[in-house]
N, C-alpha and C. Protein backbone atom coordinates (compact mmCIF):
# COMPACT_ATOMS: atom_id res chain seq x y z
N UNK A 1 98.34 4.91 153.73
CA UNK A 1 99.01 5.58 154.82
C UNK A 1 99.26 4.58 155.94
N UNK A 2 100.45 4.58 156.50
CA UNK A 2 100.82 3.68 157.58
C UNK A 2 100.73 4.42 158.90
N UNK A 3 100.06 3.78 159.85
CA UNK A 3 99.92 4.35 161.19
C UNK A 3 100.64 3.45 162.18
N UNK A 4 101.29 4.02 163.19
CA UNK A 4 101.96 3.18 164.19
C UNK A 4 100.92 2.42 165.03
N UNK A 5 101.29 1.20 165.43
CA UNK A 5 100.43 0.42 166.32
C UNK A 5 100.65 0.84 167.75
N UNK A 6 99.60 0.79 168.54
CA UNK A 6 99.78 1.00 169.98
C UNK A 6 100.63 -0.15 170.50
N UNK A 7 101.37 0.10 171.54
CA UNK A 7 102.31 -0.90 172.08
C UNK A 7 101.62 -2.22 172.39
N UNK A 8 100.41 -2.18 172.97
CA UNK A 8 99.71 -3.42 173.34
C UNK A 8 99.35 -4.22 172.09
N UNK A 9 98.86 -3.54 171.08
CA UNK A 9 98.48 -4.24 169.85
C UNK A 9 99.70 -4.79 169.14
N UNK A 10 100.77 -4.04 169.13
CA UNK A 10 102.00 -4.51 168.51
C UNK A 10 102.55 -5.75 169.20
N UNK A 11 102.52 -5.76 170.54
CA UNK A 11 102.99 -6.91 171.31
C UNK A 11 102.10 -8.12 171.06
N UNK A 12 100.79 -7.89 170.99
CA UNK A 12 99.86 -8.99 170.72
C UNK A 12 100.10 -9.57 169.33
N UNK A 13 100.36 -8.72 168.37
CA UNK A 13 100.64 -9.18 167.01
C UNK A 13 101.93 -10.01 166.98
N UNK A 14 102.96 -9.54 167.64
CA UNK A 14 104.21 -10.29 167.70
C UNK A 14 104.02 -11.64 168.38
N UNK A 15 103.25 -11.68 169.46
CA UNK A 15 102.97 -12.95 170.15
C UNK A 15 102.25 -13.91 169.22
N UNK A 16 101.27 -13.40 168.47
CA UNK A 16 100.52 -14.26 167.54
C UNK A 16 101.43 -14.80 166.45
N UNK A 17 102.30 -13.96 165.92
CA UNK A 17 103.23 -14.40 164.88
C UNK A 17 104.21 -15.44 165.41
N UNK A 18 104.67 -15.26 166.63
CA UNK A 18 105.57 -16.25 167.24
C UNK A 18 104.85 -17.58 167.42
N UNK A 19 103.60 -17.54 167.85
CA UNK A 19 102.82 -18.76 168.05
C UNK A 19 102.65 -19.51 166.74
N UNK A 20 102.40 -18.78 165.66
CA UNK A 20 102.25 -19.42 164.35
C UNK A 20 103.57 -20.07 163.95
N UNK A 21 104.66 -19.37 164.17
CA UNK A 21 105.97 -19.93 163.84
C UNK A 21 106.26 -21.20 164.62
N UNK A 22 105.90 -21.22 165.90
CA UNK A 22 106.11 -22.42 166.72
C UNK A 22 105.21 -23.55 166.25
N UNK A 23 103.99 -23.25 165.89
CA UNK A 23 103.08 -24.27 165.40
C UNK A 23 103.61 -24.84 164.09
N UNK A 24 104.13 -23.99 163.21
CA UNK A 24 104.69 -24.46 161.96
C UNK A 24 105.88 -25.38 162.21
N UNK A 25 106.74 -25.03 163.14
CA UNK A 25 107.89 -25.86 163.44
C UNK A 25 107.46 -27.21 164.00
N UNK A 26 106.45 -27.21 164.87
CA UNK A 26 105.94 -28.46 165.43
C UNK A 26 105.29 -29.31 164.34
N UNK A 27 104.56 -28.67 163.44
CA UNK A 27 103.90 -29.38 162.34
C UNK A 27 104.93 -30.02 161.42
N UNK A 28 105.96 -29.28 161.08
CA UNK A 28 107.01 -29.81 160.21
C UNK A 28 107.73 -30.97 160.89
N UNK A 29 108.01 -30.84 162.17
CA UNK A 29 108.66 -31.92 162.91
C UNK A 29 107.79 -33.17 162.92
N UNK A 30 106.47 -33.00 163.09
CA UNK A 30 105.55 -34.14 163.08
C UNK A 30 105.54 -34.80 161.71
N UNK A 31 105.53 -34.01 160.64
CA UNK A 31 105.57 -34.58 159.29
C UNK A 31 106.86 -35.36 159.05
N UNK A 32 107.98 -34.80 159.48
CA UNK A 32 109.26 -35.49 159.30
C UNK A 32 109.29 -36.81 160.07
N UNK A 33 108.75 -36.81 161.28
CA UNK A 33 108.70 -38.04 162.08
C UNK A 33 107.83 -39.08 161.39
N UNK A 34 106.69 -38.67 160.90
CA UNK A 34 105.78 -39.59 160.22
C UNK A 34 106.42 -40.13 158.96
N UNK A 35 107.10 -39.30 158.23
CA UNK A 35 107.75 -39.72 156.99
C UNK A 35 108.85 -40.74 157.29
N UNK A 36 109.56 -40.55 158.38
CA UNK A 36 110.64 -41.47 158.74
C UNK A 36 110.08 -42.83 159.14
N UNK A 37 108.85 -42.86 159.65
CA UNK A 37 108.23 -44.12 160.08
C UNK A 37 107.63 -44.92 158.93
N UNK A 38 107.43 -44.31 157.79
CA UNK A 38 106.77 -44.99 156.68
C UNK A 38 107.60 -46.16 156.19
N UNK A 39 106.90 -47.18 155.75
CA UNK A 39 107.53 -48.36 155.19
C UNK A 39 108.20 -48.01 153.86
N UNK A 40 109.31 -48.64 153.54
CA UNK A 40 109.92 -48.39 152.24
C UNK A 40 109.01 -48.90 151.12
N UNK A 41 109.14 -48.29 149.96
CA UNK A 41 108.32 -48.71 148.82
C UNK A 41 108.72 -50.11 148.38
N UNK A 42 107.71 -50.87 147.98
CA UNK A 42 107.96 -52.22 147.48
C UNK A 42 108.25 -52.17 145.99
N UNK A 43 109.18 -53.00 145.57
CA UNK A 43 109.45 -53.08 144.14
C UNK A 43 108.40 -53.99 143.51
N UNK A 44 107.92 -53.60 142.35
CA UNK A 44 106.90 -54.37 141.63
C UNK A 44 107.37 -54.61 140.21
N UNK A 45 106.89 -55.71 139.64
CA UNK A 45 107.21 -55.99 138.25
C UNK A 45 106.36 -55.13 137.34
N UNK A 46 106.96 -54.67 136.25
CA UNK A 46 106.22 -53.87 135.28
C UNK A 46 105.26 -54.78 134.52
N UNK A 47 104.08 -54.29 134.26
CA UNK A 47 103.09 -55.09 133.50
C UNK A 47 103.18 -54.86 132.03
């Protein structure tokens, strides 16, 4: 059975979800920046 959330709880849940989304976007941006800074792979001779 689904019950409606009180307005305060619903707003708090939406705020928490938005914060997670922002953290994910910041995390992805940090990963992309780090990946762009990495040195290119060196070519090696096959053994």
